[in-house]
């Protein structure tokens, strides 16, 4: 099992872990017990060989993980709502929002994210009149995009409820480290490790931002050579947006390579910015929170659990 890669994310009062065979979401209930939801899992790229091609697999994996992550978040939100209803005596237990409302909410969130972190940096960079130099323009836009993202994450960390998610994020990383180092996966073992992990999605975002600068500079240069003029704002946005599959796929390959060559001095330097950003997105978890991460890792690997949990699978 040492070759099995695991990954995951923090959810509301819990941790989701994906192994090569299962997805497990562990959530701490108000009565202090841990509820675990597991289901079998085979990656889309392993079900179809043609989808496992470099770049292609990265783009597809990104969307697959987004879907899995949203499902885990919805599950944890449902459990949190049920627990609150139980304590307060409400009768909304088991009720779920209409699917159309969920779809519209996700669509609005995606549109807002594209507007804030994709279009606005291009707009602000255009105001600085550096359109003629493709590299300079994308360096400026990239710097603006990164600054906005770091400020956004930092502001989120100031809210107590969101800070708890960052603590569970730290619990996820510590638990994964315990597994990766081929140690017994327990709270005591996981506690020894850092909350910063080179294969974290936070590091992936940093890689995407840097890769985007290079790829968008090349596409802008090609456009200017072909047309004889730099692209207008809307045209630049559409061209850059069409390049996102290449940016995401290439960034995935870089992140995957960094995980395999983490002991290389050059790799250690390259992953530093992502680790620095994790100083905001991860916090030191309590022992109770760390236990949830350990349970999630063990459940995803099909190992016997040493804590009392209620485990069930999807129908």
Protein backbone atom coordinates (compact mmCIF):
# COMPACT_ATOMS: atom_id res chain seq x y z
CA UNK A 1 0.00 0.00 0.00
CA UNK A 2 3.00 2.30 0.20
CA UNK A 3 2.61 3.16 -3.50
CA UNK A 4 -1.01 4.22 -3.09
CA UNK A 5 -1.46 7.98 -3.33
CA UNK A 6 -4.03 9.61 -1.10
CA UNK A 7 -5.33 13.15 -1.16
CA UNK A 8 -8.29 15.05 0.15
CA UNK A 9 -9.67 18.24 1.58
CA UNK A 10 -11.15 19.73 4.71
CA UNK A 11 -14.93 19.94 5.04
CA UNK A 12 -17.28 21.30 7.69
CA UNK A 13 -16.10 19.75 10.98
CA UNK A 14 -14.34 17.00 9.09
CA UNK A 15 -11.99 15.66 6.46
CA UNK A 16 -12.50 13.93 3.10
CA UNK A 17 -9.80 11.53 1.90
CA UNK A 18 -9.57 9.89 -1.51
CA UNK A 19 -7.42 6.80 -2.01
CA UNK A 20 -7.09 4.74 -5.19
CA UNK A 21 -10.00 2.52 -4.12
CA UNK A 22 -12.30 4.52 -1.84
CA UNK A 23 -13.48 7.97 -0.84
CA UNK A 24 -14.09 8.50 2.87
CA UNK A 25 -15.54 11.55 4.59
CA UNK A 26 -15.26 11.69 8.37
CA UNK A 27 -17.27 14.29 10.29
CA UNK A 28 -17.25 15.08 14.01
CA UNK A 29 -20.79 15.24 15.42
CA UNK A 30 -21.90 17.37 18.35
CA UNK A 31 -21.98 14.32 20.63
CA UNK A 32 -18.24 13.92 19.85
CA UNK A 33 -18.69 10.68 17.87
CA UNK A 34 -17.27 10.46 14.33
CA UNK A 35 -19.55 9.74 11.40
CA UNK A 36 -17.85 8.17 8.38
CA UNK A 37 -19.26 7.91 4.87
CA UNK A 38 -17.36 5.70 2.42
CA UNK A 39 -17.87 4.69 -1.17
CA UNK A 40 -15.80 2.79 -3.76
CA UNK A 41 -13.82 4.91 -6.17
CA UNK A 42 -11.93 4.36 -9.40
CA UNK A 43 -10.45 7.43 -11.08
CA UNK A 44 -11.89 8.43 -14.43
CA UNK A 45 -8.41 8.34 -15.97
CA UNK A 46 -8.00 4.71 -14.89
CA UNK A 47 -11.33 3.64 -16.35
CA UNK A 48 -10.38 4.92 -19.80
CA UNK A 49 -6.74 4.69 -20.91
CA UNK A 50 -7.04 7.45 -23.50
CA UNK A 51 -7.98 9.85 -20.71
CA UNK A 52 -4.72 9.11 -18.89
CA UNK A 53 -2.61 11.04 -21.40
CA UNK A 54 -0.41 13.82 -19.94
CA UNK A 55 -2.14 17.22 -19.74
CA UNK A 56 -5.53 15.61 -20.53
CA UNK A 57 -5.53 13.65 -17.26
CA UNK A 58 -4.69 16.75 -15.26
CA UNK A 59 -7.58 18.78 -16.64
CA UNK A 60 -10.05 15.91 -16.18
CA UNK A 61 -8.74 15.12 -12.69
CA UNK A 62 -9.25 18.74 -11.67
CA UNK A 63 -12.94 18.63 -12.56
CA UNK A 64 -13.37 15.17 -11.08
CA UNK A 65 -11.89 16.35 -7.79
CA UNK A 66 -14.11 19.45 -7.83
CA UNK A 67 -17.15 17.19 -8.10
CA UNK A 68 -15.93 14.90 -5.32
CA UNK A 69 -15.08 17.88 -3.14
CA UNK A 70 -18.50 19.47 -3.62
CA UNK A 71 -20.16 16.18 -2.72
CA UNK A 72 -18.10 15.89 0.47
CA UNK A 73 -18.88 19.50 1.43
CA UNK A 74 -22.60 18.95 0.84
CA UNK A 75 -22.51 15.82 3.02
CA UNK A 76 -20.76 17.64 5.86
CA UNK A 77 -23.21 20.55 5.56
CA UNK A 78 -26.16 18.17 5.76
CA UNK A 79 -24.75 16.52 8.89
CA UNK A 80 -24.11 19.93 10.47
CA UNK A 81 -27.70 21.02 9.73
CA UNK A 82 -29.12 17.77 11.13
CA UNK A 83 -27.04 18.13 14.28
CA UNK A 84 -28.20 21.72 14.83
CA UNK A 85 -31.83 20.70 14.23
CA UNK A 86 -31.49 17.86 16.72
CA UNK A 87 -30.11 20.14 19.41
CA UNK A 88 -32.56 22.98 18.77
CA UNK A 89 -35.57 20.71 18.27
CA UNK A 90 -36.37 21.80 14.73
CA UNK A 91 -38.15 19.57 12.26
CA UNK A 92 -36.10 20.20 9.15
CA UNK A 93 -34.00 17.05 9.58
CA UNK A 94 -33.38 15.25 6.32
CA UNK A 95 -34.56 18.11 4.11
CA UNK A 96 -32.28 18.98 1.22
CA UNK A 97 -32.24 22.07 -1.01
CA UNK A 98 -33.84 21.71 -4.43
CA UNK A 99 -31.29 20.41 -7.00
CA UNK A 100 -31.94 23.43 -9.24
CA UNK A 101 -31.04 25.79 -6.38
CA UNK A 102 -27.79 23.89 -5.81
CA UNK A 103 -26.93 24.05 -9.52
CA UNK A 104 -27.65 27.78 -9.69
CA UNK A 105 -25.61 28.40 -6.53
CA UNK A 106 -22.61 26.53 -7.96
CA UNK A 107 -22.96 28.32 -11.31
CA UNK A 108 -23.07 31.71 -9.56
CA UNK A 109 -20.02 30.84 -7.45
CA UNK A 110 -18.05 29.79 -10.55
CA UNK A 111 -19.07 32.95 -12.43
CA UNK A 112 -18.06 35.10 -9.46
CA UNK A 113 -14.72 33.29 -9.20
CA UNK A 114 -13.99 33.78 -12.91
CA UNK A 115 -14.90 37.45 -12.66
CA UNK A 116 -12.85 38.16 -9.54
CA UNK A 117 -9.73 36.12 -10.19
CA UNK A 118 -9.61 35.93 -13.97
CA UNK A 119 -11.20 38.95 -15.62
CA UNK A 120 -10.43 41.67 -13.05
CA UNK A 121 -6.63 41.13 -13.11
CA UNK A 122 -6.71 41.53 -16.91
CA UNK A 123 -8.79 44.69 -16.56
CA UNK A 124 -6.47 46.24 -13.97
CA UNK A 125 -3.37 45.30 -15.99
CA UNK A 126 -4.93 46.96 -19.06
CA UNK A 127 -5.31 50.18 -17.12
CA UNK A 128 -1.53 50.25 -16.64
CA UNK A 129 -0.94 50.46 -20.42
CA UNK A 130 1.43 47.50 -20.72
CA UNK A 131 -0.57 45.69 -23.43
CA UNK A 132 2.21 45.86 -26.03
CA UNK A 133 4.64 43.77 -24.00
CA UNK A 134 3.04 40.31 -23.66
CA UNK A 135 5.36 39.09 -20.92
CA UNK A 136 5.13 42.29 -18.87
CA UNK A 137 1.34 42.38 -19.20
CA UNK A 138 0.97 38.82 -17.94
CA UNK A 139 3.51 39.35 -15.17
CA UNK A 140 1.45 42.31 -13.95
CA UNK A 141 -1.86 40.45 -14.33
CA UNK A 142 -0.39 37.41 -12.59
CA UNK A 143 0.90 39.51 -9.70
CA UNK A 144 -2.51 41.15 -9.33
CA UNK A 145 -4.24 37.74 -9.44
CA UNK A 146 -1.95 36.27 -6.78
CA UNK A 147 -2.29 39.33 -4.56
CA UNK A 148 -6.08 39.17 -4.76
CA UNK A 149 -6.07 35.46 -3.95
CA UNK A 150 -3.73 35.79 -0.96
CA UNK A 151 -5.81 38.67 0.45
CA UNK A 152 -8.99 36.67 -0.10
CA UNK A 153 -7.62 33.61 1.73
CA UNK A 154 -6.20 35.76 4.53
CA UNK A 155 -9.55 37.48 5.07
CA UNK A 156 -11.29 34.09 5.22
CA UNK A 157 -8.84 32.94 7.89
CA UNK A 158 -10.07 35.72 10.17
CA UNK A 159 -13.53 34.17 10.52
CA UNK A 160 -13.68 31.59 13.37
CA UNK A 161 -15.82 29.05 11.48
CA UNK A 162 -13.54 29.17 8.44
CA UNK A 163 -10.48 28.98 10.65
CA UNK A 164 -11.80 25.64 11.93
CA UNK A 165 -11.85 24.38 8.34
CA UNK A 166 -8.22 25.47 8.00
CA UNK A 167 -7.48 23.47 11.17
CA UNK A 168 -9.11 20.41 9.64
CA UNK A 169 -7.00 21.13 6.54
CA UNK A 170 -3.95 20.81 8.79
CA UNK A 171 -5.35 17.56 10.22
CA UNK A 172 -5.72 16.20 6.69
CA UNK A 173 -2.07 16.91 5.85
CA UNK A 174 -0.71 15.47 9.10
CA UNK A 175 -2.72 12.28 8.67
CA UNK A 176 -1.57 11.86 5.08
CA UNK A 177 2.06 12.34 6.17
CA UNK A 178 1.66 9.51 8.70
CA UNK A 179 0.54 7.20 5.89
CA UNK A 180 3.15 8.36 3.36
CA UNK A 181 5.97 7.74 5.81
CA UNK A 182 4.76 4.16 6.26
CA UNK A 183 4.07 4.68 9.94
CA UNK A 184 1.13 3.37 11.90
CA UNK A 185 -1.69 5.80 11.12
CA UNK A 186 -2.64 7.06 14.58
CA UNK A 187 -3.25 10.44 16.16
CA UNK A 188 0.02 10.19 18.10
CA UNK A 189 2.01 9.46 14.93
CA UNK A 190 0.29 12.11 12.79
CA UNK A 191 0.80 14.76 15.44
CA UNK A 192 4.56 14.74 14.80
CA UNK A 193 4.25 16.01 11.22
CA UNK A 194 3.87 19.48 9.76
CA UNK A 195 0.63 20.90 8.38
CA UNK A 196 2.43 21.95 5.15
CA UNK A 197 2.28 19.47 2.26
CA UNK A 198 3.84 19.94 -1.21
CA UNK A 199 0.97 18.20 -3.04
CA UNK A 200 -1.71 20.43 -1.50
CA UNK A 201 -4.30 22.15 -3.68
CA UNK A 202 -2.96 25.45 -2.37
CA UNK A 203 0.40 24.65 -3.98
CA UNK A 204 -1.47 23.68 -7.15
CA UNK A 205 -3.03 27.16 -7.29
CA UNK A 206 0.40 28.75 -7.02
CA UNK A 207 1.70 26.55 -9.84
CA UNK A 208 -1.34 27.43 -11.97
CA UNK A 209 -0.71 31.15 -11.42
CA UNK A 210 2.93 30.86 -12.49
CA UNK A 211 2.19 28.56 -15.44
CA UNK A 212 -0.52 30.95 -16.60
CA UNK A 213 1.96 33.80 -16.82
CA UNK A 214 4.20 31.82 -19.18
CA UNK A 215 1.45 30.27 -21.33
CA UNK A 216 -0.60 33.46 -21.63
CA UNK A 217 2.52 35.44 -22.56
CA UNK A 218 3.19 32.97 -25.40
CA UNK A 219 -0.41 33.06 -26.69
CA UNK A 220 -0.50 36.88 -26.55
CA UNK A 221 2.79 37.03 -28.47
CA UNK A 222 1.48 34.65 -31.13
CA UNK A 223 -1.72 36.71 -31.43
CA UNK A 224 0.27 39.92 -31.82
CA UNK A 225 2.57 38.39 -34.45
CA UNK A 226 -0.40 37.10 -36.47
CA UNK A 227 -2.62 40.20 -36.22
CA UNK A 228 0.06 42.89 -35.88
CA UNK A 229 -1.50 44.30 -32.70
CA UNK A 230 -1.94 43.22 -29.07
CA UNK A 231 -5.31 41.66 -28.19
CA UNK A 232 -8.10 43.84 -26.84
CA UNK A 233 -9.33 43.16 -23.29
CA UNK A 234 -12.30 40.95 -24.25
CA UNK A 235 -10.28 39.09 -26.88
CA UNK A 236 -7.46 38.52 -24.41
CA UNK A 237 -9.95 37.20 -21.86
CA UNK A 238 -11.46 34.74 -24.36
CA UNK A 239 -8.04 33.55 -25.58
CA UNK A 240 -6.74 33.08 -22.05
CA UNK A 241 -9.93 31.34 -20.97
CA UNK A 242 -9.61 28.89 -23.87
CA UNK A 243 -6.09 28.06 -22.66
CA UNK A 244 -7.22 27.05 -19.16
CA UNK A 245 -7.29 23.30 -19.96
CA UNK A 246 -3.62 23.51 -20.99
CA UNK A 247 -2.73 25.58 -17.91
CA UNK A 248 -4.58 23.24 -15.52
CA UNK A 249 -3.29 20.07 -17.19
CA UNK A 250 0.30 21.27 -17.29
CA UNK A 251 0.16 22.45 -13.68
CA UNK A 252 -1.14 19.04 -12.60
CA UNK A 253 1.84 17.35 -14.25
CA UNK A 254 4.22 19.74 -12.49
CA UNK A 255 2.55 19.11 -9.12
CA UNK A 256 2.66 15.36 -9.66
CA UNK A 257 6.35 15.52 -10.58
CA UNK A 258 7.13 17.67 -7.54
CA UNK A 259 5.60 15.02 -5.29
CA UNK A 260 7.93 12.37 -6.75
CA UNK A 261 11.06 14.53 -6.63
CA UNK A 262 10.47 16.36 -3.37
CA UNK A 263 13.99 15.53 -2.11
CA UNK A 264 15.54 17.31 -5.10
CA UNK A 265 17.03 20.71 -4.06
CA UNK A 266 15.51 22.45 -7.09
CA UNK A 267 12.07 20.99 -6.36
CA UNK A 268 12.31 22.14 -2.76
CA UNK A 269 12.89 25.70 -3.96
CA UNK A 270 10.03 25.55 -6.48
CA UNK A 271 7.46 24.30 -3.94
CA UNK A 272 8.36 26.94 -1.35
CA UNK A 273 5.77 29.56 -2.49
CA UNK A 274 2.97 27.01 -2.17
CA UNK A 275 4.16 25.98 1.29
CA UNK A 276 4.34 29.64 2.36
CA UNK A 277 0.73 30.14 1.27
CA UNK A 278 -0.25 27.10 3.34
CA UNK A 279 0.84 29.05 6.41
CA UNK A 280 -2.52 30.80 5.89
CA UNK A 281 -4.68 27.93 4.58
CA UNK A 282 -3.63 25.38 7.21
CA UNK A 283 -3.62 25.72 10.98
CA UNK A 284 -2.46 23.40 13.76
CA UNK A 285 -5.40 21.09 14.60
CA UNK A 286 -6.53 19.96 18.03
CA UNK A 287 -6.22 16.28 18.92
CA UNK A 288 -9.96 15.85 18.34
CA UNK A 289 -9.64 17.33 14.85
CA UNK A 290 -6.55 15.26 14.09
CA UNK A 291 -8.42 12.12 15.08
CA UNK A 292 -11.02 12.87 12.41
CA UNK A 293 -8.28 13.12 9.77
CA UNK A 294 -6.76 9.83 10.91
CA UNK A 295 -10.14 8.10 10.75
CA UNK A 296 -10.73 9.45 7.23
CA UNK A 297 -7.35 8.18 5.97
CA UNK A 298 -7.82 4.76 7.55
CA UNK A 299 -11.36 4.43 6.20
CA UNK A 300 -10.25 5.35 2.67
CA UNK A 301 -7.62 2.58 2.83
CA UNK A 302 -10.03 -0.01 4.22
CA UNK A 303 -8.09 -0.37 7.47
CA UNK A 304 -9.58 -1.35 10.80
CA UNK A 305 -10.43 1.74 12.83
CA UNK A 306 -9.58 2.07 16.49
CA UNK A 307 -12.33 4.56 17.28
CA UNK A 308 -16.07 4.06 17.49
CA UNK A 309 -17.68 5.27 14.29
CA UNK A 310 -20.87 4.77 12.36
CA UNK A 311 -19.85 3.74 8.87
CA UNK A 312 -22.20 3.44 5.90
CA UNK A 313 -21.98 3.40 2.13
CA UNK A 314 -24.03 5.09 -0.56
CA UNK A 315 -27.06 3.15 -1.71
